[in-house]
Amino acid sequence: MSLQDQLIGLLDQSSLKLTDKKISQLIQYVEMLIKWNKAYNLTSVRDPSDMLVKHIMDSLMVGQYIKGNRFIDVGTGPGLPGIPLAILYPEKEFTLLDSLGKRITFLRQVVFQLKLDNVSPALSRVEKFLPEQLFDGVLSRAFASLNDMVSWCKHLPANENGRFYALKGQYPESELSKLPDDIELVTSYSIVVPQLQGERHLIELKKI
């Protein structure tokens, strides 16, 4: 079965409705990931079918819970969840931040090939990154603990409505108990990703 047919099958098991163009862009992204992974070692997931579940669907399923128009994906790696979300929401802006040059080189090529005018790759360590405009949401997927995330990224969310969104596996009970006093849990979403083994949670935090 082609990657496109597999992705359509996975989308059919979710509430997501994607245009042919968006499906095509997601497949092109996976194909680039497969190709560049051989030389650049961008992800430990090697099997293209696994990439559709563990990378693409896993990223897309959080989209309905993030609020606002400007997002930064910190420690984005090869662009997860930022690239799938940027394809899903062409009207929203995404800055993809990583401290490794080869990942940013890859992301610039993705942006160019897929003509994603709502994505800005940025090469920097998160604590040194000073944006001209603050963000509605700070996203992290394979990042450190919640405590590290909020302390390294606390200069990034817009004050009143800015949010931190952390993608986690199991509900991070112990990490939540160690949050600084000026950060509070807004809510937690249990995410169902078609065909994915194991739990997924999206943790929404805010500054007090």
C-alpha atoms as a PDB file:
ATOM      1  CA  MET A   1       0.000   0.000   0.000  1.00  0.00           C
ATOM      2  CA  SER A   2       1.350   3.437  -0.900  1.00  0.00           C
ATOM      3  CA  LEU A   3       2.251   5.920   1.833  1.00  0.00           C
ATOM      4  CA  GLN A   4      -0.567   8.141   0.626  1.00  0.00           C
ATOM      5  CA  ASP A   5      -3.145   5.346   0.965  1.00  0.00           C
ATOM      6  CA  GLN A   6      -1.787   4.511   4.424  1.00  0.00           C
ATOM      7  CA  LEU A   7      -2.067   8.141   5.528  1.00  0.00           C
ATOM      8  CA  ILE A   8      -5.618   8.441   4.171  1.00  0.00           C
ATOM      9  CA  GLY A   9      -6.501   5.263   6.109  1.00  0.00           C
ATOM     10  CA  LEU A  10      -5.094   6.741   9.325  1.00  0.00           C
ATOM     11  CA  LEU A  11      -6.910  10.049   8.790  1.00  0.00           C
ATOM     12  CA  ASP A  12     -10.154   8.117   8.269  1.00  0.00           C
ATOM     13  CA  GLN A  13      -9.709   6.744  11.817  1.00  0.00           C
ATOM     14  CA  SER A  14      -9.554  10.292  13.195  1.00  0.00           C
ATOM     15  CA  SER A  15     -11.805  13.353  13.122  1.00  0.00           C
ATOM     16  CA  LEU A  16      -9.403  15.177  10.797  1.00  0.00           C
ATOM     17  CA  LYS A  17     -10.442  16.206   7.292  1.00  0.00           C
ATOM     18  CA  LEU A  18      -7.515  17.161   5.060  1.00  0.00           C
ATOM     19  CA  THR A  19      -7.467  18.417   1.478  1.00  0.00           C
ATOM     20  CA  ASP A  20      -5.590  16.497  -1.222  1.00  0.00           C
ATOM     21  CA  LYS A  21      -2.963  19.253  -1.244  1.00  0.00           C
ATOM     22  CA  LYS A  22      -2.275  18.894   2.487  1.00  0.00           C
ATOM     23  CA  ILE A  23      -2.073  15.095   2.216  1.00  0.00           C
ATOM     24  CA  SER A  24       0.362  15.475  -0.675  1.00  0.00           C
ATOM     25  CA  GLN A  25       2.528  17.913   1.331  1.00  0.00           C
ATOM     26  CA  LEU A  26       2.632  15.539   4.315  1.00  0.00           C
ATOM     27  CA  ILE A  27       3.716  12.661   2.080  1.00  0.00           C
ATOM     28  CA  GLN A  28       6.421  14.816   0.461  1.00  0.00           C
ATOM     29  CA  TYR A  29       7.647  15.718   3.946  1.00  0.00           C
ATOM     30  CA  VAL A  30       7.854  12.032   4.957  1.00  0.00           C
ATOM     31  CA  GLU A  31       9.694  11.213   1.722  1.00  0.00           C
ATOM     32  CA  MET A  32      12.227  13.970   2.440  1.00  0.00           C
ATOM     33  CA  LEU A  33      12.599  12.700   5.996  1.00  0.00           C
ATOM     34  CA  ILE A  34      13.336   9.187   4.703  1.00  0.00           C
ATOM     35  CA  LYS A  35      15.878  10.493   2.176  1.00  0.00           C
ATOM     36  CA  TRP A  36      17.709  12.926   4.450  1.00  0.00           C
ATOM     37  CA  ASN A  37      17.640  10.553   7.419  1.00  0.00           C
ATOM     38  CA  LYS A  38      20.188   8.288   5.727  1.00  0.00           C
ATOM     39  CA  ALA A  39      22.860  11.005   5.860  1.00  0.00           C
ATOM     40  CA  TYR A  40      21.661  13.304   8.638  1.00  0.00           C
ATOM     41  CA  ASN A  41      20.216  10.860  11.183  1.00  0.00           C
ATOM     42  CA  LEU A  42      17.232  13.131  11.906  1.00  0.00           C
ATOM     43  CA  THR A  43      15.000  10.553  13.592  1.00  0.00           C
ATOM     44  CA  SER A  44      15.428   7.097  15.123  1.00  0.00           C
ATOM     45  CA  VAL A  45      12.161   6.033  13.451  1.00  0.00           C
ATOM     46  CA  ARG A  46      13.285   4.367  10.205  1.00  0.00           C
ATOM     47  CA  ASP A  47      10.151   2.665   8.909  1.00  0.00           C
ATOM     48  CA  PRO A  48       8.029   4.969   6.704  1.00  0.00           C
ATOM     49  CA  SER A  49       4.759   3.460   7.978  1.00  0.00           C
ATOM     50  CA  ASP A  50       5.889   4.101  11.563  1.00  0.00           C
ATOM     51  CA  MET A  51       6.731   7.694  10.629  1.00  0.00           C
ATOM     52  CA  LEU A  52       3.122   8.226   9.519  1.00  0.00           C
ATOM     53  CA  VAL A  53       1.829   7.090  12.916  1.00  0.00           C
ATOM     54  CA  LYS A  54       4.555   8.236  15.343  1.00  0.00           C
ATOM     55  CA  HIS A  55       5.447  11.527  13.659  1.00  0.00           C
ATOM     56  CA  ILE A  56       2.662  12.727  11.362  1.00  0.00           C
ATOM     57  CA  MET A  57      -0.522  11.593  13.112  1.00  0.00           C
ATOM     58  CA  ASP A  58       1.006  12.149  16.555  1.00  0.00           C
ATOM     59  CA  SER A  59       1.671  15.785  15.600  1.00  0.00           C
ATOM     60  CA  LEU A  60      -1.620  16.415  13.788  1.00  0.00           C
ATOM     61  CA  MET A  61      -3.821  15.136  16.616  1.00  0.00           C
ATOM     62  CA  VAL A  62      -2.771  17.940  18.975  1.00  0.00           C
ATOM     63  CA  GLY A  63      -3.783  20.644  16.498  1.00  0.00           C
ATOM     64  CA  GLN A  64      -7.350  21.001  17.698  1.00  0.00           C
ATOM     65  CA  TYR A  65      -6.180  21.916  21.226  1.00  0.00           C
ATOM     66  CA  ILE A  66      -3.687  24.705  20.521  1.00  0.00           C
ATOM     67  CA  LYS A  67      -5.084  28.236  20.621  1.00  0.00           C
ATOM     68  CA  GLY A  68      -3.803  31.318  18.829  1.00  0.00           C
ATOM     69  CA  ASN A  69      -2.027  32.206  15.593  1.00  0.00           C
ATOM     70  CA  ARG A  70       1.684  32.393  16.397  1.00  0.00           C
ATOM     71  CA  PHE A  71       3.563  29.357  17.666  1.00  0.00           C
ATOM     72  CA  ILE A  72       7.146  28.363  18.353  1.00  0.00           C
ATOM     73  CA  ASP A  73       8.192  24.711  18.296  1.00  0.00           C
ATOM     74  CA  VAL A  74      11.232  24.461  20.589  1.00  0.00           C
ATOM     75  CA  GLY A  75      13.722  21.648  20.060  1.00  0.00           C
ATOM     76  CA  THR A  76      11.817  20.881  16.869  1.00  0.00           C
ATOM     77  CA  GLY A  77      14.337  18.282  15.598  1.00  0.00           C
ATOM     78  CA  PRO A  78      13.284  17.428  12.045  1.00  0.00           C
ATOM     79  CA  GLY A  79      10.188  19.651  12.401  1.00  0.00           C
ATOM     80  CA  LEU A  80       7.881  17.841  14.817  1.00  0.00           C
ATOM     81  CA  PRO A  81       5.167  18.762  15.574  1.00  0.00           C
ATOM     82  CA  GLY A  82       5.743  22.054  13.729  1.00  0.00           C
ATOM     83  CA  ILE A  83       5.760  20.979  10.068  1.00  0.00           C
ATOM     84  CA  PRO A  84       2.624  18.774  10.187  1.00  0.00           C
ATOM     85  CA  LEU A  85       0.794  21.508  12.142  1.00  0.00           C
ATOM     86  CA  ALA A  86       1.920  24.203   9.691  1.00  0.00           C
ATOM     87  CA  ILE A  87       0.564  22.089   6.820  1.00  0.00           C
ATOM     88  CA  LEU A  88      -2.689  21.529   8.729  1.00  0.00           C
ATOM     89  CA  TYR A  89      -3.070  25.250   9.521  1.00  0.00           C
ATOM     90  CA  PRO A  90      -1.626  27.375   6.678  1.00  0.00           C
ATOM     91  CA  GLU A  91      -3.231  30.456   8.264  1.00  0.00           C
ATOM     92  CA  LYS A  92      -1.136  30.129  11.466  1.00  0.00           C
ATOM     93  CA  GLU A  93       2.566  31.025  11.807  1.00  0.00           C
ATOM     94  CA  PHE A  94       5.184  28.607  13.105  1.00  0.00           C
ATOM     95  CA  THR A  95       8.774  29.294  14.146  1.00  0.00           C
ATOM     96  CA  LEU A  96      10.782  26.053  14.323  1.00  0.00           C
ATOM     97  CA  LEU A  97      13.709  26.371  16.712  1.00  0.00           C
ATOM     98  CA  ASP A  98      16.654  23.999  17.009  1.00  0.00           C
ATOM     99  CA  SER A  99      20.285  24.336  18.052  1.00  0.00           C
ATOM    100  CA  LEU A 100      21.613  21.815  15.498  1.00  0.00           C
ATOM    101  CA  GLY A 101      22.586  23.204  12.109  1.00  0.00           C
ATOM    102  CA  LYS A 102      21.865  20.069  10.071  1.00  0.00           C
ATOM    103  CA  ARG A 103      18.256  19.995  11.298  1.00  0.00           C
ATOM    104  CA  ILE A 104      17.723  23.634  10.320  1.00  0.00           C
ATOM    105  CA  THR A 105      19.312  22.961   6.906  1.00  0.00           C
ATOM    106  CA  PHE A 106      16.805  20.150   6.419  1.00  0.00           C
ATOM    107  CA  LEU A 107      13.889  22.323   7.551  1.00  0.00           C
ATOM    108  CA  ARG A 108      14.854  25.145   5.184  1.00  0.00           C
ATOM    109  CA  GLN A 109      14.779  22.638   2.346  1.00  0.00           C
ATOM    110  CA  VAL A 110      11.348  21.369   3.481  1.00  0.00           C
ATOM    111  CA  VAL A 111      10.007  24.941   3.602  1.00  0.00           C
ATOM    112  CA  PHE A 112      11.400  25.604   0.105  1.00  0.00           C
ATOM    113  CA  GLN A 113      10.162  22.386  -1.503  1.00  0.00           C
ATOM    114  CA  LEU A 114       6.714  22.393   0.078  1.00  0.00           C
ATOM    115  CA  LYS A 115       6.323  26.186  -0.370  1.00  0.00           C
ATOM    116  CA  LEU A 116       5.417  26.687   3.305  1.00  0.00           C
ATOM    117  CA  ASP A 117       5.244  30.460   3.681  1.00  0.00           C
ATOM    118  CA  ASN A 118       4.022  30.173   7.289  1.00  0.00           C
ATOM    119  CA  VAL A 119       7.172  28.458   8.627  1.00  0.00           C
ATOM    120  CA  SER A 120      10.403  30.120   9.819  1.00  0.00           C
ATOM    121  CA  PRO A 121      13.263  27.791  10.828  1.00  0.00           C
ATOM    122  CA  ALA A 122      15.601  29.362  13.414  1.00  0.00           C
ATOM    123  CA  LEU A 123      19.045  28.143  14.502  1.00  0.00           C
ATOM    124  CA  SER A 124      19.595  28.976  18.175  1.00  0.00           C
ATOM    125  CA  ARG A 125      19.663  27.647  21.682  1.00  0.00           C
ATOM    126  CA  VAL A 126      16.250  28.347  23.183  1.00  0.00           C
ATOM    127  CA  GLU A 127      17.495  30.427  26.109  1.00  0.00           C
ATOM    128  CA  LYS A 128      19.389  32.741  23.709  1.00  0.00           C
ATOM    129  CA  PHE A 129      16.547  33.146  21.205  1.00  0.00           C
ATOM    130  CA  LEU A 130      14.982  36.615  21.337  1.00  0.00           C
ATOM    131  CA  PRO A 131      11.973  36.932  19.026  1.00  0.00           C
ATOM    132  CA  GLU A 132      10.733  40.292  17.759  1.00  0.00           C
ATOM    133  CA  GLN A 133       7.209  39.283  18.701  1.00  0.00           C
ATOM    134  CA  LEU A 134       6.106  36.897  21.455  1.00  0.00           C
ATOM    135  CA  PHE A 135       4.074  33.735  20.842  1.00  0.00           C
ATOM    136  CA  ASP A 136       0.541  32.549  21.587  1.00  0.00           C
ATOM    137  CA  GLY A 137       1.880  29.047  22.151  1.00  0.00           C
ATOM    138  CA  VAL A 138       5.226  27.408  22.936  1.00  0.00           C
ATOM    139  CA  LEU A 139       5.169  23.799  21.688  1.00  0.00           C
ATOM    140  CA  SER A 140       7.530  21.010  22.662  1.00  0.00           C
ATOM    141  CA  ARG A 141       7.459  17.375  21.756  1.00  0.00           C
ATOM    142  CA  ALA A 142      10.691  15.537  22.509  1.00  0.00           C
ATOM    143  CA  PHE A 143      11.896  18.211  24.889  1.00  0.00           C
ATOM    144  CA  ALA A 144      13.206  17.939  28.441  1.00  0.00           C
ATOM    145  CA  SER A 145      11.095  17.888  31.597  1.00  0.00           C
ATOM    146  CA  LEU A 146       8.225  20.340  32.069  1.00  0.00           C
ATOM    147  CA  ASN A 147      10.364  22.220  34.585  1.00  0.00           C
ATOM    148  CA  ASP A 148      13.212  22.658  32.083  1.00  0.00           C
ATOM    149  CA  MET A 149      10.778  23.625  29.362  1.00  0.00           C
ATOM    150  CA  VAL A 150       9.128  26.430  31.312  1.00  0.00           C
ATOM    151  CA  SER A 151      12.385  27.756  32.773  1.00  0.00           C
ATOM    152  CA  TRP A 152      14.235  27.803  29.427  1.00  0.00           C
ATOM    153  CA  CYS A 153      11.246  29.114  27.467  1.00  0.00           C
ATOM    154  CA  LYS A 154       9.616  31.523  29.910  1.00  0.00           C
ATOM    155  CA  HIS A 155      10.613  34.570  27.816  1.00  0.00           C
ATOM    156  CA  LEU A 156       8.710  33.280  24.754  1.00  0.00           C
ATOM    157  CA  PRO A 157       4.932  33.237  25.467  1.00  0.00           C
ATOM    158  CA  ALA A 158       2.907  36.449  25.203  1.00  0.00           C
ATOM    159  CA  ASN A 159       1.978  37.555  28.704  1.00  0.00           C
ATOM    160  CA  GLU A 160      -1.781  37.379  29.090  1.00  0.00           C
ATOM    161  CA  ASN A 161      -2.799  34.496  26.869  1.00  0.00           C
ATOM    162  CA  GLY A 162       0.497  32.786  26.098  1.00  0.00           C
ATOM    163  CA  ARG A 163       0.567  29.064  26.730  1.00  0.00           C
ATOM    164  CA  PHE A 164       3.073  26.226  26.967  1.00  0.00           C
ATOM    165  CA  TYR A 165       1.987  23.020  25.219  1.00  0.00           C
ATOM    166  CA  ALA A 166       4.029  19.928  26.050  1.00  0.00           C
ATOM    167  CA  LEU A 167       3.435  16.627  24.236  1.00  0.00           C
ATOM    168  CA  LYS A 168       4.003  13.782  26.646  1.00  0.00           C
ATOM    169  CA  GLY A 169       3.450  10.036  26.802  1.00  0.00           C
ATOM    170  CA  GLN A 170       1.980   9.038  30.138  1.00  0.00           C
ATOM    171  CA  TYR A 171       0.434  11.735  32.334  1.00  0.00           C
ATOM    172  CA  PRO A 172       3.512  13.415  33.926  1.00  0.00           C
ATOM    173  CA  GLU A 173       2.295  13.451  37.525  1.00  0.00           C
ATOM    174  CA  SER A 174       5.700  13.881  39.166  1.00  0.00           C
ATOM    175  CA  GLU A 175       6.867  16.546  36.686  1.00  0.00           C
ATOM    176  CA  LEU A 176       3.707  18.572  37.332  1.00  0.00           C
ATOM    177  CA  SER A 177       4.300  18.417  41.087  1.00  0.00           C
ATOM    178  CA  LYS A 178       7.729  20.067  40.603  1.00  0.00           C
ATOM    179  CA  LEU A 179       6.597  23.069  38.541  1.00  0.00           C
ATOM    180  CA  PRO A 180       7.767  26.521  39.683  1.00  0.00           C
ATOM    181  CA  ASP A 181       5.306  28.610  41.704  1.00  0.00           C
ATOM    182  CA  ASP A 182       4.677  31.041  38.851  1.00  0.00           C
ATOM    183  CA  ILE A 183       3.505  28.308  36.438  1.00  0.00           C
ATOM    184  CA  GLU A 184       0.166  26.543  36.655  1.00  0.00           C
ATOM    185  CA  LEU A 185      -1.525  23.683  34.853  1.00  0.00           C
ATOM    186  CA  VAL A 186      -4.393  24.961  32.707  1.00  0.00           C
ATOM    187  CA  THR A 187      -5.575  21.548  31.547  1.00  0.00           C
ATOM    188  CA  SER A 188      -4.419  18.218  30.208  1.00  0.00           C
ATOM    189  CA  TYR A 189      -5.767  16.495  27.112  1.00  0.00           C
ATOM    190  CA  SER A 190      -5.681  12.763  26.563  1.00  0.00           C
ATOM    191  CA  ILE A 191      -4.841  12.335  22.877  1.00  0.00           C
ATOM    192  CA  VAL A 192      -5.908   9.331  20.828  1.00  0.00           C
ATOM    193  CA  VAL A 193      -3.537   8.724  17.905  1.00  0.00           C
ATOM    194  CA  PRO A 194      -4.755   6.090  15.404  1.00  0.00           C
ATOM    195  CA  GLN A 195      -2.587   2.929  15.493  1.00  0.00           C
ATOM    196  CA  LEU A 196      -0.221   4.319  18.142  1.00  0.00           C
ATOM    197  CA  GLN A 197       0.684   2.038  21.029  1.00  0.00           C
ATOM    198  CA  GLY A 198       0.819   3.693  24.441  1.00  0.00           C
ATOM    199  CA  GLU A 199      -0.630   6.821  26.012  1.00  0.00           C
ATOM    200  CA  ARG A 200      -0.354  10.405  24.734  1.00  0.00           C
ATOM    201  CA  HIS A 201      -1.105  13.572  26.662  1.00  0.00           C
ATOM    202  CA  LEU A 202      -0.944  17.246  25.814  1.00  0.00           C
ATOM    203  CA  ILE A 203      -0.173  19.377  28.866  1.00  0.00           C
ATOM    204  CA  GLU A 204      -1.230  23.031  28.730  1.00  0.00           C
ATOM    205  CA  LEU A 205       0.531  25.384  31.147  1.00  0.00           C
ATOM    206  CA  LYS A 206       0.543  29.134  31.699  1.00  0.00           C
ATOM    207  CA  LYS A 207       2.462  31.767  33.629  1.00  0.00           C
ATOM    208  CA  ILE A 208       0.625  33.231  36.601  1.00  0.00           C
END
